[in-house]
Every structure is written in C-alpha cells, then in structure tokens.
C-alpha cells in the first residue's frame, strides 16, 4: 500500500478564476456541515453540559433585542471602517463578493442562516463552554485565514467573536449570537450583491 506524503500538501492563495460557483457553494456547505458535526461531537462528550438548555427562549424578546443590537453596532462600525480605511485593508481576496455578488436574496438568507447556526453551535455552544470567550475568539479569528494578512480585519473578527460570546453569556441562549451572526452576514451579503448590481448597471 502506497503511503501518503504529507510533504506534498501545499497551501496557497485561491485563484478565483479557477473557482466556479458550484465548487464554491459545495465547499461552503461541506465546511459548514463538518463544523456542525464537530460541534455536536464536542457537545456530546461534554457530559455536564446541558445541550438543550443552550437553545432556551426563556429570555423572550431580550434574546432578539440583544442579538439585533449587537448586529447594528457591528454593521455601524463596519460602515465607519469602510469610509475611512482603504479598500485593500478589508480585502478577502474576492471570496465574499463571488459568494454573494450574484446570489438571490433567499439564497443569501439561507447561507447566512446555515453559517450562523453551524458556527455558533461549534464556537459559542461547544468551544466557549470549555475555553471561554477569549480563547474561543482567538481560534475563531485564526480559522478566518483569508483575513489574517490584514491586522485590522483579524482584530475585527476577534472583536465580533468576543462580542458574540459576551451576548451569549448575558442571555444564556445560543439564539442570541445566532440572530446577531445571521443579521451581520445577511446585511453584508445584500450590500455586496447590490453594490455589484450597481457597478454592472453603470
């Protein structure tokens, strides 16, 4: 049996010209499925962690208010940053534009919801329980590899993650960071879509 040579593995910048829409979506959905599975496995082994209690709605409207308020703060800060910081500082290599640029609104909403649920189950639900918000946010920032070359974007991702962890602690419901995460991704996705539409029409 031939041995696999791990030395042949190479990491490099993705060439968007070689990446079609189907491959991008497939990559996204598979990655999110794996994220969810890893989160559920970790939760399963955290025997003293009551999984169903994470999804409590006992806070009622306070869950929605916390989630929406945090999303508004993040989006407001992003608008401020985009006005004063050069575009190349927030450049992710064009992945987000390719993902959302020509997408129907329902599909942007679906992607945003799937990402919000899968990532929050893993990071806030499973990992934060063991590591706390700070180290969870370090890991969350580190896996967003496309932003690591820009310190400002890495700092923003860390700050957003820490904030998501904080609002989860305040309400005790995983729905709070899921709502915030969904709104942030959905609004940013819509902005990318309409900006591209505007550029194509002008």
N, C-alpha and C. Protein backbone atom coordinates (compact mmCIF):
# COMPACT_ATOMS: atom_id res chain seq x y z
N UNK A 1 0.84 -1.20 0.00
CA UNK A 1 0.00 0.00 0.00
C UNK A 1 0.88 1.25 0.00
N UNK A 2 0.60 2.15 -0.92
CA UNK A 2 1.41 3.37 -1.05
C UNK A 2 1.09 4.36 0.06
N UNK A 3 2.15 4.89 0.69
CA UNK A 3 1.96 5.86 1.77
C UNK A 3 1.71 7.25 1.20
N UNK A 4 0.84 7.98 1.90
CA UNK A 4 0.54 9.36 1.50
C UNK A 4 1.63 10.29 2.03
N UNK A 5 2.19 11.10 1.14
CA UNK A 5 3.26 12.00 1.53
C UNK A 5 2.67 13.37 1.89
N UNK A 6 2.64 13.67 3.18
CA UNK A 6 2.08 14.94 3.65
C UNK A 6 2.92 16.14 3.23
N UNK A 7 4.16 15.90 2.82
CA UNK A 7 5.04 17.00 2.39
C UNK A 7 4.58 17.60 1.07
N UNK A 8 3.76 16.84 0.34
CA UNK A 8 3.27 17.32 -0.96
C UNK A 8 2.10 18.28 -0.82
N UNK A 9 1.57 18.42 0.38
CA UNK A 9 0.45 19.34 0.60
C UNK A 9 0.96 20.77 0.55
N UNK A 10 0.30 21.60 -0.22
CA UNK A 10 0.71 22.99 -0.37
C UNK A 10 -0.48 23.91 -0.09
N UNK A 11 -0.23 24.95 0.69
CA UNK A 11 -1.26 25.96 0.94
C UNK A 11 -0.91 27.20 0.14
N UNK A 12 -1.90 27.77 -0.53
CA UNK A 12 -1.65 28.97 -1.30
C UNK A 12 -2.92 29.76 -1.49
N UNK A 13 -2.78 30.93 -2.09
CA UNK A 13 -3.94 31.78 -2.33
C UNK A 13 -4.82 31.17 -3.41
N UNK A 14 -6.11 31.17 -3.17
CA UNK A 14 -7.06 30.61 -4.13
C UNK A 14 -7.16 31.53 -5.33
N UNK A 15 -7.07 30.93 -6.53
CA UNK A 15 -7.23 31.69 -7.77
C UNK A 15 -8.72 31.66 -8.12
N UNK A 16 -9.38 32.83 -7.98
CA UNK A 16 -10.82 32.89 -8.20
C UNK A 16 -11.22 32.56 -9.63
N UNK A 17 -10.30 32.76 -10.57
CA UNK A 17 -10.61 32.45 -11.97
C UNK A 17 -10.77 30.94 -12.18
N UNK A 18 -10.20 30.14 -11.29
CA UNK A 18 -10.30 28.68 -11.38
C UNK A 18 -11.42 28.13 -10.50
N UNK A 19 -12.11 29.01 -9.80
CA UNK A 19 -13.14 28.59 -8.85
C UNK A 19 -14.52 28.96 -9.40
N UNK A 20 -15.34 27.95 -9.73
CA UNK A 20 -16.68 28.26 -10.23
C UNK A 20 -17.69 28.30 -9.08
N UNK A 21 -18.88 28.76 -9.40
CA UNK A 21 -19.91 28.98 -8.38
C UNK A 21 -20.31 27.68 -7.69
N UNK A 22 -20.43 26.62 -8.46
CA UNK A 22 -20.84 25.32 -7.91
C UNK A 22 -19.81 24.81 -6.90
N UNK A 23 -18.53 24.91 -7.26
CA UNK A 23 -17.45 24.46 -6.38
C UNK A 23 -17.42 25.28 -5.09
N UNK A 24 -17.62 26.59 -5.23
CA UNK A 24 -17.61 27.49 -4.07
C UNK A 24 -18.74 27.13 -3.10
N UNK A 25 -19.95 26.94 -3.64
CA UNK A 25 -21.10 26.59 -2.80
C UNK A 25 -20.93 25.21 -2.15
N UNK A 26 -20.42 24.26 -2.93
CA UNK A 26 -20.19 22.91 -2.41
C UNK A 26 -19.18 22.95 -1.26
N UNK A 27 -18.12 23.72 -1.45
CA UNK A 27 -17.09 23.90 -0.42
C UNK A 27 -17.69 24.51 0.84
N UNK A 28 -18.53 25.53 0.65
CA UNK A 28 -19.17 26.21 1.78
C UNK A 28 -20.07 25.25 2.57
N UNK A 29 -20.95 24.53 1.87
CA UNK A 29 -21.90 23.65 2.54
C UNK A 29 -21.21 22.47 3.23
N UNK A 30 -20.19 21.92 2.59
CA UNK A 30 -19.45 20.80 3.21
C UNK A 30 -18.72 21.29 4.46
N UNK A 31 -18.09 22.46 4.36
CA UNK A 31 -17.37 23.04 5.50
C UNK A 31 -18.32 23.29 6.67
N UNK A 32 -19.49 23.82 6.38
CA UNK A 32 -20.45 24.10 7.44
C UNK A 32 -21.02 22.82 8.05
N UNK A 33 -21.22 21.80 7.23
CA UNK A 33 -21.68 20.51 7.74
C UNK A 33 -20.64 19.91 8.69
N UNK A 34 -19.37 19.97 8.29
CA UNK A 34 -18.29 19.47 9.15
C UNK A 34 -18.21 20.27 10.45
N UNK A 35 -18.39 21.59 10.34
CA UNK A 35 -18.39 22.46 11.53
C UNK A 35 -19.48 22.03 12.51
N UNK A 36 -20.68 21.79 11.97
CA UNK A 36 -21.81 21.38 12.81
C UNK A 36 -21.55 20.01 13.46
N UNK A 37 -21.03 19.07 12.67
CA UNK A 37 -20.76 17.72 13.19
C UNK A 37 -19.72 17.77 14.30
N UNK A 38 -18.63 18.54 14.09
CA UNK A 38 -17.59 18.67 15.11
C UNK A 38 -18.17 19.29 16.38
N UNK A 39 -19.01 20.31 16.21
CA UNK A 39 -19.66 20.95 17.35
C UNK A 39 -20.52 19.98 18.14
N UNK A 40 -21.32 19.17 17.43
CA UNK A 40 -22.21 18.21 18.09
C UNK A 40 -21.40 17.12 18.81
N UNK A 41 -20.30 16.66 18.17
CA UNK A 41 -19.45 15.64 18.79
C UNK A 41 -18.83 16.17 20.08
N UNK A 42 -18.32 17.41 20.04
CA UNK A 42 -17.73 18.02 21.24
C UNK A 42 -18.79 18.15 22.34
N UNK A 43 -19.99 18.61 21.96
CA UNK A 43 -21.08 18.75 22.92
C UNK A 43 -21.46 17.41 23.55
N UNK A 44 -21.43 16.37 22.73
CA UNK A 44 -21.79 15.03 23.20
C UNK A 44 -20.84 14.56 24.31
N UNK A 45 -19.55 14.92 24.18
CA UNK A 45 -18.56 14.49 25.17
C UNK A 45 -18.50 15.43 26.38
N UNK A 46 -19.18 16.56 26.29
CA UNK A 46 -19.26 17.45 27.46
C UNK A 46 -20.47 17.02 28.28
N UNK A 47 -20.29 15.94 29.04
CA UNK A 47 -21.42 15.29 29.71
C UNK A 47 -22.16 16.19 30.69
N UNK A 48 -21.42 17.15 31.28
CA UNK A 48 -22.07 18.03 32.27
C UNK A 48 -22.67 19.28 31.62
N UNK A 49 -22.66 19.32 30.28
CA UNK A 49 -23.19 20.46 29.55
C UNK A 49 -24.59 20.11 29.04
N UNK A 50 -25.61 20.81 29.49
CA UNK A 50 -26.98 20.54 29.05
C UNK A 50 -27.20 21.19 27.68
N UNK A 51 -27.19 20.36 26.65
CA UNK A 51 -27.23 20.85 25.27
C UNK A 51 -28.52 21.61 24.97
N UNK A 52 -29.65 21.04 25.34
CA UNK A 52 -30.94 21.68 25.02
C UNK A 52 -31.10 23.02 25.72
N UNK A 53 -30.47 23.19 26.88
CA UNK A 53 -30.61 24.45 27.61
C UNK A 53 -29.95 25.62 26.88
N UNK A 54 -29.02 25.31 25.94
CA UNK A 54 -28.37 26.35 25.15
C UNK A 54 -29.38 27.08 24.27
N UNK A 55 -30.41 26.35 23.86
CA UNK A 55 -31.39 26.89 22.92
C UNK A 55 -32.64 27.41 23.62
N UNK A 56 -32.47 27.80 24.87
CA UNK A 56 -33.60 28.32 25.63
C UNK A 56 -34.16 29.61 25.00
N UNK A 57 -35.46 29.78 25.11
CA UNK A 57 -36.08 31.03 24.65
C UNK A 57 -36.76 31.72 25.83
N UNK A 58 -36.31 31.36 27.04
CA UNK A 58 -36.90 31.93 28.25
C UNK A 58 -36.68 33.44 28.35
N UNK A 59 -35.64 33.94 27.71
CA UNK A 59 -35.38 35.38 27.74
C UNK A 59 -36.37 36.17 26.92
N UNK A 60 -37.14 35.47 26.08
CA UNK A 60 -38.15 36.13 25.24
C UNK A 60 -37.54 37.17 24.32
N UNK A 61 -38.13 38.36 24.34
CA UNK A 61 -37.70 39.43 23.44
C UNK A 61 -36.31 39.95 23.74
N UNK A 62 -35.82 39.73 24.95
CA UNK A 62 -34.46 40.20 25.28
C UNK A 62 -33.42 39.49 24.42
N UNK A 63 -33.69 38.23 24.04
CA UNK A 63 -32.78 37.48 23.16
C UNK A 63 -32.68 38.18 21.81
N UNK A 64 -33.84 38.55 21.26
CA UNK A 64 -33.89 39.24 19.96
C UNK A 64 -33.26 40.62 20.07
N UNK A 65 -33.56 41.35 21.13
CA UNK A 65 -33.03 42.71 21.31
C UNK A 65 -31.51 42.70 21.43
N UNK A 66 -30.96 41.78 22.25
CA UNK A 66 -29.50 41.66 22.37
C UNK A 66 -28.86 41.33 21.02
N UNK A 67 -29.44 40.36 20.32
CA UNK A 67 -28.89 39.94 19.03
C UNK A 67 -28.92 41.04 17.99
N UNK A 68 -30.08 41.70 17.87
CA UNK A 68 -30.23 42.79 16.89
C UNK A 68 -29.35 43.99 17.24
N UNK A 69 -29.27 44.33 18.52
CA UNK A 69 -28.48 45.49 18.95
C UNK A 69 -27.00 45.28 18.64
N UNK A 70 -26.50 44.07 18.93
CA UNK A 70 -25.10 43.79 18.65
C UNK A 70 -24.83 43.84 17.15
N UNK A 71 -25.74 43.28 16.34
CA UNK A 71 -25.58 43.30 14.88
C UNK A 71 -25.53 44.73 14.36
N UNK A 72 -26.39 45.60 14.88
CA UNK A 72 -26.42 47.01 14.45
C UNK A 72 -25.09 47.70 14.79
N UNK A 73 -24.55 47.43 15.97
CA UNK A 73 -23.27 48.01 16.38
C UNK A 73 -22.16 47.57 15.43
N UNK A 74 -22.10 46.27 15.14
CA UNK A 74 -21.07 45.72 14.24
C UNK A 74 -21.19 46.33 12.84
N UNK A 75 -22.42 46.38 12.32
CA UNK A 75 -22.64 46.92 10.97
C UNK A 75 -22.31 48.41 10.92
N UNK A 76 -22.64 49.15 11.99
CA UNK A 76 -22.31 50.57 12.05
C UNK A 76 -20.80 50.79 12.06
N UNK A 77 -20.10 49.95 12.83
CA UNK A 77 -18.64 50.04 12.88
C UNK A 77 -18.03 49.70 11.52
N UNK A 78 -18.62 48.72 10.83
CA UNK A 78 -18.12 48.33 9.51
C UNK A 78 -18.30 49.45 8.50
N UNK A 79 -19.43 50.16 8.57
CA UNK A 79 -19.66 51.31 7.68
C UNK A 79 -18.62 52.40 7.95
N UNK A 80 -18.34 52.65 9.23
CA UNK A 80 -17.34 53.63 9.62
C UNK A 80 -15.96 53.24 9.08
N UNK A 81 -15.60 51.97 9.24
CA UNK A 81 -14.30 51.47 8.77
C UNK A 81 -14.19 51.60 7.25
N UNK A 82 -15.26 51.23 6.54
CA UNK A 82 -15.22 51.25 5.07
C UNK A 82 -15.09 52.67 4.51
N UNK A 83 -15.51 53.67 5.29
CA UNK A 83 -15.40 55.06 4.84
C UNK A 83 -14.00 55.62 5.04
N UNK A 84 -13.29 55.15 6.06
CA UNK A 84 -12.01 55.75 6.43
C UNK A 84 -10.78 54.89 6.15
N UNK A 85 -11.03 53.63 5.82
CA UNK A 85 -9.89 52.72 5.61
C UNK A 85 -9.85 52.31 4.13
N UNK A 86 -8.65 52.25 3.54
CA UNK A 86 -8.55 51.82 2.13
C UNK A 86 -9.17 50.45 1.91
N UNK A 87 -9.72 50.25 0.72
CA UNK A 87 -10.45 49.01 0.41
C UNK A 87 -9.57 47.77 0.54
N UNK A 88 -8.28 47.89 0.20
CA UNK A 88 -7.40 46.73 0.24
C UNK A 88 -7.19 46.18 1.66
N UNK A 89 -7.44 47.03 2.67
CA UNK A 89 -7.28 46.59 4.06
C UNK A 89 -8.35 45.56 4.43
N UNK A 90 -9.55 45.72 3.86
CA UNK A 90 -10.65 44.78 4.15
C UNK A 90 -10.81 43.72 3.06
N UNK A 91 -9.83 43.63 2.17
CA UNK A 91 -9.91 42.69 1.05
C UNK A 91 -9.78 41.24 1.54
N UNK A 92 -10.71 40.39 1.12
CA UNK A 92 -10.65 38.96 1.49
C UNK A 92 -10.30 38.10 0.29
N UNK A 93 -9.79 38.77 -0.76
CA UNK A 93 -9.43 38.04 -1.97
C UNK A 93 -10.58 37.87 -2.94
N UNK A 94 -11.72 38.50 -2.64
CA UNK A 94 -12.88 38.44 -3.54
C UNK A 94 -13.82 37.28 -3.29
N UNK A 95 -13.55 36.49 -2.23
CA UNK A 95 -14.39 35.31 -1.94
C UNK A 95 -15.82 35.72 -1.60
N UNK A 96 -15.97 36.69 -0.71
CA UNK A 96 -17.32 37.13 -0.30
C UNK A 96 -18.11 37.71 -1.48
N UNK A 97 -17.42 38.48 -2.31
CA UNK A 97 -18.11 39.07 -3.48
C UNK A 97 -18.57 37.98 -4.44
N UNK A 98 -17.73 36.97 -4.62
CA UNK A 98 -18.10 35.86 -5.50
C UNK A 98 -19.25 35.04 -4.89
N UNK A 99 -19.23 34.91 -3.58
CA UNK A 99 -20.25 34.12 -2.89
C UNK A 99 -21.61 34.79 -2.91
N UNK A 100 -21.63 36.12 -2.71
CA UNK A 100 -22.90 36.84 -2.57
C UNK A 100 -23.27 37.73 -3.76
N UNK A 101 -22.29 38.05 -4.61
CA UNK A 101 -22.48 39.04 -5.66
C UNK A 101 -23.66 38.83 -6.58
N UNK A 102 -23.89 37.60 -7.01
CA UNK A 102 -24.98 37.31 -7.96
C UNK A 102 -26.06 36.41 -7.35
N UNK A 103 -26.09 36.38 -6.03
CA UNK A 103 -26.98 35.45 -5.34
C UNK A 103 -28.37 36.07 -5.13
N UNK A 104 -29.41 35.24 -5.24
CA UNK A 104 -30.78 35.69 -4.92
C UNK A 104 -30.87 35.96 -3.43
N UNK A 105 -31.77 36.86 -3.04
CA UNK A 105 -31.90 37.24 -1.63
C UNK A 105 -32.23 36.04 -0.73
N UNK A 106 -33.11 35.16 -1.20
CA UNK A 106 -33.46 33.99 -0.39
C UNK A 106 -32.24 33.11 -0.15
N UNK A 107 -31.34 33.05 -1.16
CA UNK A 107 -30.15 32.21 -1.03
C UNK A 107 -29.13 32.85 -0.09
N UNK A 108 -29.04 34.18 -0.12
CA UNK A 108 -28.17 34.89 0.83
C UNK A 108 -28.66 34.63 2.25
N UNK A 109 -29.99 34.68 2.42
CA UNK A 109 -30.58 34.42 3.74
C UNK A 109 -30.30 32.99 4.19
N UNK A 110 -30.43 32.03 3.26
CA UNK A 110 -30.19 30.62 3.59
C UNK A 110 -28.74 30.39 4.01
N UNK A 111 -27.80 30.92 3.20
CA UNK A 111 -26.38 30.79 3.51
C UNK A 111 -26.07 31.41 4.87
N UNK A 112 -26.60 32.60 5.10
CA UNK A 112 -26.35 33.32 6.35
C UNK A 112 -26.88 32.54 7.55
N UNK A 113 -28.05 31.93 7.40
CA UNK A 113 -28.64 31.16 8.49
C UNK A 113 -27.84 29.89 8.78
N UNK A 114 -27.46 29.18 7.72
CA UNK A 114 -26.68 27.95 7.89
C UNK A 114 -25.34 28.25 8.57
N UNK A 115 -24.65 29.27 8.09
CA UNK A 115 -23.35 29.65 8.67
C UNK A 115 -23.52 30.06 10.14
N UNK A 116 -24.55 30.87 10.42
CA UNK A 116 -24.79 31.34 11.79
C UNK A 116 -25.03 30.17 12.74
N UNK A 117 -25.89 29.24 12.35
CA UNK A 117 -26.22 28.11 13.22
C UNK A 117 -25.01 27.20 13.42
N UNK A 118 -24.37 26.79 12.32
CA UNK A 118 -23.26 25.84 12.40
C UNK A 118 -22.07 26.41 13.19
N UNK A 119 -21.70 27.65 12.90
CA UNK A 119 -20.53 28.24 13.58
C UNK A 119 -20.82 28.56 15.04
N UNK A 120 -22.03 28.97 15.35
CA UNK A 120 -22.35 29.29 16.75
C UNK A 120 -22.48 28.02 17.60
N UNK A 121 -22.99 26.94 17.02
CA UNK A 121 -23.04 25.67 17.76
C UNK A 121 -21.63 25.23 18.14
N UNK A 122 -20.69 25.32 17.17
CA UNK A 122 -19.32 24.91 17.45
C UNK A 122 -18.60 25.88 18.39
N UNK A 123 -18.59 27.17 18.02
CA UNK A 123 -17.74 28.11 18.76
C UNK A 123 -18.35 28.59 20.07
N UNK A 124 -19.57 29.07 20.05
CA UNK A 124 -20.18 29.55 21.29
C UNK A 124 -20.74 28.38 22.11
N UNK A 125 -21.38 27.42 21.45
CA UNK A 125 -22.01 26.33 22.19
C UNK A 125 -21.02 25.34 22.76
N UNK A 126 -20.05 24.88 21.94
CA UNK A 126 -19.14 23.82 22.37
C UNK A 126 -17.81 24.35 22.89
N UNK A 127 -17.09 25.10 22.06
CA UNK A 127 -15.73 25.51 22.43
C UNK A 127 -15.72 26.54 23.55
N UNK A 128 -16.61 27.52 23.49
CA UNK A 128 -16.62 28.55 24.54
C UNK A 128 -16.91 27.96 25.91
N UNK A 129 -17.69 26.91 25.95
CA UNK A 129 -18.01 26.25 27.22
C UNK A 129 -16.73 25.75 27.90
N UNK A 130 -15.77 25.28 27.08
CA UNK A 130 -14.52 24.73 27.62
C UNK A 130 -13.41 25.78 27.74
N UNK A 131 -13.33 26.69 26.79
CA UNK A 131 -12.20 27.62 26.70
C UNK A 131 -12.51 29.04 27.16
N UNK A 132 -13.77 29.42 27.18
CA UNK A 132 -14.13 30.80 27.49
C UNK A 132 -14.13 31.67 26.23
N UNK A 133 -14.70 32.87 26.31
CA UNK A 133 -14.84 33.73 25.12
C UNK A 133 -13.52 34.18 24.49
N UNK A 134 -12.50 34.44 25.33
CA UNK A 134 -11.24 35.00 24.80
C UNK A 134 -10.53 34.00 23.87
N UNK A 135 -10.24 32.79 24.37
CA UNK A 135 -9.51 31.82 23.56
C UNK A 135 -10.37 31.29 22.42
N UNK A 136 -11.67 31.24 22.61
CA UNK A 136 -12.57 30.87 21.52
C UNK A 136 -12.47 31.87 20.38
N UNK A 137 -12.37 33.15 20.74
CA UNK A 137 -12.28 34.21 19.73
C UNK A 137 -10.93 34.20 19.02
N UNK A 138 -9.87 33.83 19.73
CA UNK A 138 -8.55 33.66 19.10
C UNK A 138 -8.64 32.59 18.01
N UNK A 139 -9.26 31.46 18.35
CA UNK A 139 -9.42 30.37 17.38
C UNK A 139 -10.33 30.79 16.23
N UNK A 140 -11.42 31.48 16.54
CA UNK A 140 -12.37 31.94 15.52
C UNK A 140 -11.68 32.87 14.52
N UNK A 141 -10.85 33.77 15.02
CA UNK A 141 -10.10 34.69 14.14
C UNK A 141 -9.08 33.92 13.30
N UNK A 142 -8.45 32.92 13.91
CA UNK A 142 -7.40 32.16 13.22
C UNK A 142 -7.94 31.34 12.06
N UNK A 143 -9.19 30.82 12.19
CA UNK A 143 -9.72 29.99 11.10
C UNK A 143 -10.20 30.84 9.91
N UNK A 144 -10.37 32.14 10.14
CA UNK A 144 -10.72 33.03 9.02
C UNK A 144 -9.42 33.44 8.32
N UNK A 145 -8.80 32.45 7.68
CA UNK A 145 -7.46 32.58 7.11
C UNK A 145 -7.36 33.75 6.12
N UNK A 146 -8.43 33.97 5.36
CA UNK A 146 -8.36 34.99 4.32
C UNK A 146 -8.19 36.40 4.87
N UNK A 147 -8.45 36.60 6.18
CA UNK A 147 -8.29 37.92 6.79
C UNK A 147 -6.97 38.09 7.53
N UNK A 148 -6.22 37.01 7.72
CA UNK A 148 -5.05 37.05 8.59
C UNK A 148 -3.94 37.97 8.09
N UNK A 149 -3.93 38.26 6.79
CA UNK A 149 -2.89 39.14 6.26
C UNK A 149 -3.16 40.62 6.57
N UNK A 150 -4.35 40.92 7.09
CA UNK A 150 -4.70 42.30 7.45
C UNK A 150 -5.03 42.35 8.94
N UNK A 151 -4.20 43.04 9.71
CA UNK A 151 -4.36 43.07 11.17
C UNK A 151 -5.70 43.66 11.59
N UNK A 152 -6.19 44.67 10.83
CA UNK A 152 -7.45 45.31 11.19
C UNK A 152 -8.62 44.34 11.07
N UNK A 153 -8.67 43.59 9.96
CA UNK A 153 -9.76 42.64 9.76
C UNK A 153 -9.68 41.49 10.76
N UNK A 154 -8.45 41.04 11.05
CA UNK A 154 -8.28 39.99 12.06
C UNK A 154 -8.78 40.47 13.41
N UNK A 155 -8.45 41.72 13.75
CA UNK A 155 -8.91 42.32 15.01
C UNK A 155 -10.41 42.45 15.05
N UNK A 156 -11.02 42.81 13.91
CA UNK A 156 -12.48 42.92 13.85
C UNK A 156 -13.16 41.57 14.04
N UNK A 157 -12.62 40.55 13.37
CA UNK A 157 -13.19 39.20 13.50
C UNK A 157 -13.09 38.73 14.95
N UNK A 158 -11.93 39.00 15.59
CA UNK A 158 -11.77 38.65 17.00
C UNK A 158 -12.79 39.39 17.86
N UNK A 159 -12.94 40.70 17.62
CA UNK A 159 -13.87 41.52 18.39
C UNK A 159 -15.31 41.08 18.22
N UNK A 160 -15.69 40.76 16.99
CA UNK A 160 -17.05 40.28 16.73
C UNK A 160 -17.30 38.96 17.45
N UNK A 161 -16.31 38.06 17.37
CA UNK A 161 -16.44 36.76 18.03
C UNK A 161 -16.57 36.93 19.55
N UNK A 162 -15.73 37.81 20.11
CA UNK A 162 -15.79 38.03 21.56
C UNK A 162 -17.15 38.62 21.96
N UNK A 163 -17.63 39.54 21.13
CA UNK A 163 -18.95 40.14 21.37
C UNK A 163 -20.07 39.11 21.30
N UNK A 164 -19.98 38.20 20.33
CA UNK A 164 -20.98 37.14 20.21
C UNK A 164 -20.96 36.24 21.46
N UNK A 165 -19.75 35.97 21.94
CA UNK A 165 -19.62 35.18 23.17
C UNK A 165 -20.19 35.90 24.38
N UNK A 166 -19.97 37.21 24.40
CA UNK A 166 -20.44 38.02 25.54
C UNK A 166 -21.96 38.09 25.59
N UNK A 167 -22.60 38.30 24.43
CA UNK A 167 -24.07 38.37 24.44
C UNK A 167 -24.69 37.00 24.73
N UNK A 168 -23.96 35.94 24.38
CA UNK A 168 -24.43 34.59 24.74
C UNK A 168 -24.42 34.41 26.26
N UNK A 169 -23.36 34.89 26.89
CA UNK A 169 -23.26 34.81 28.35
C UNK A 169 -24.37 35.63 29.01
N UNK A 170 -24.67 36.80 28.44
CA UNK A 170 -25.67 37.69 29.03
C UNK A 170 -27.08 37.10 29.02
N UNK A 171 -27.41 36.39 27.95
CA UNK A 171 -28.78 35.88 27.81
C UNK A 171 -28.89 34.39 28.13
N UNK A 172 -27.78 33.66 28.02
CA UNK A 172 -27.81 32.21 28.26
C UNK A 172 -28.45 31.43 27.14
N UNK A 173 -28.73 32.10 26.02
CA UNK A 173 -29.37 31.44 24.88
C UNK A 173 -28.48 31.55 23.65
N UNK A 174 -28.27 30.41 23.00
CA UNK A 174 -27.46 30.39 21.78
C UNK A 174 -28.16 31.11 20.63
N UNK A 175 -29.49 31.30 20.77
CA UNK A 175 -30.22 32.02 19.72
C UNK A 175 -29.75 33.48 19.63
N UNK A 176 -29.23 34.04 20.71
CA UNK A 176 -28.78 35.44 20.68
C UNK A 176 -27.62 35.64 19.71
N UNK A 177 -26.49 34.89 19.84
CA UNK A 177 -25.42 35.06 18.84
C UNK A 177 -25.82 34.57 17.46
N UNK A 178 -26.72 33.58 17.37
CA UNK A 178 -27.18 33.11 16.06
C UNK A 178 -27.91 34.24 15.33
N UNK A 179 -28.80 34.94 16.04
CA UNK A 179 -29.54 36.07 15.44
C UNK A 179 -28.57 37.16 14.99
N UNK A 180 -27.62 37.52 15.86
CA UNK A 180 -26.65 38.57 15.53
C UNK A 180 -25.80 38.16 14.33
N UNK A 181 -25.29 36.93 14.36
CA UNK A 181 -24.44 36.41 13.28
C UNK A 181 -25.20 36.40 11.96
N UNK A 182 -26.46 35.96 12.01
CA UNK A 182 -27.30 35.91 10.80
C UNK A 182 -27.50 37.31 10.22
N UNK A 183 -27.87 38.26 11.05
CA UNK A 183 -28.13 39.62 10.56
C UNK A 183 -26.88 40.23 9.95
N UNK A 184 -25.74 40.08 10.62
CA UNK A 184 -24.48 40.63 10.10
C UNK A 184 -24.16 40.05 8.73
N UNK A 185 -24.19 38.72 8.61
CA UNK A 185 -23.87 38.07 7.34
C UNK A 185 -24.89 38.41 6.25
N UNK A 186 -26.17 38.43 6.62
CA UNK A 186 -27.22 38.71 5.63
C UNK A 186 -27.11 40.13 5.09
N UNK A 187 -26.95 41.11 5.97
CA UNK A 187 -26.85 42.51 5.54
C UNK A 187 -25.58 42.71 4.70
N UNK A 188 -24.45 42.16 5.15
CA UNK A 188 -23.21 42.30 4.39
C UNK A 188 -23.33 41.62 3.02
N UNK A 189 -23.98 40.46 2.99
CA UNK A 189 -24.20 39.76 1.72
C UNK A 189 -25.07 40.56 0.77
N UNK A 190 -26.14 41.18 1.29
CA UNK A 190 -27.02 42.01 0.47
C UNK A 190 -26.29 43.24 -0.06
N UNK A 191 -25.45 43.86 0.79
CA UNK A 191 -24.68 45.03 0.35
C UNK A 191 -23.74 44.66 -0.79
N UNK A 192 -23.08 43.52 -0.68
CA UNK A 192 -22.18 43.06 -1.75
C UNK A 192 -22.96 42.80 -3.03
N UNK A 193 -24.13 42.21 -2.89
CA UNK A 193 -24.96 41.91 -4.06
C UNK A 193 -25.41 43.18 -4.77
N UNK A 194 -25.95 44.14 -4.00
CA UNK A 194 -26.48 45.36 -4.62
C UNK A 194 -25.36 46.27 -5.13
N UNK A 195 -24.21 46.26 -4.47
CA UNK A 195 -23.06 47.04 -4.96
C UNK A 195 -22.60 46.51 -6.30
N UNK A 196 -22.56 45.18 -6.44
CA UNK A 196 -22.14 44.58 -7.70
C UNK A 196 -23.15 44.87 -8.79
N UNK A 197 -24.44 44.81 -8.43
CA UNK A 197 -25.52 45.11 -9.37
C UNK A 197 -25.42 46.55 -9.86
N UNK A 198 -25.09 47.45 -8.96
CA UNK A 198 -24.95 48.88 -9.27
C UNK A 198 -23.77 49.11 -10.21
N UNK A 199 -22.66 48.42 -9.94
CA UNK A 199 -21.47 48.56 -10.77
C UNK A 199 -21.72 48.05 -12.18
N UNK A 200 -22.47 46.94 -12.30
CA UNK A 200 -22.75 46.36 -13.61
C UNK A 200 -23.69 47.22 -14.44
N UNK A 201 -24.61 47.94 -13.76
CA UNK A 201 -25.57 48.78 -14.47
C UNK A 201 -25.01 50.14 -14.89
N UNK A 202 -23.92 50.56 -14.22
CA UNK A 202 -23.34 51.89 -14.53
C UNK A 202 -22.30 51.80 -15.65
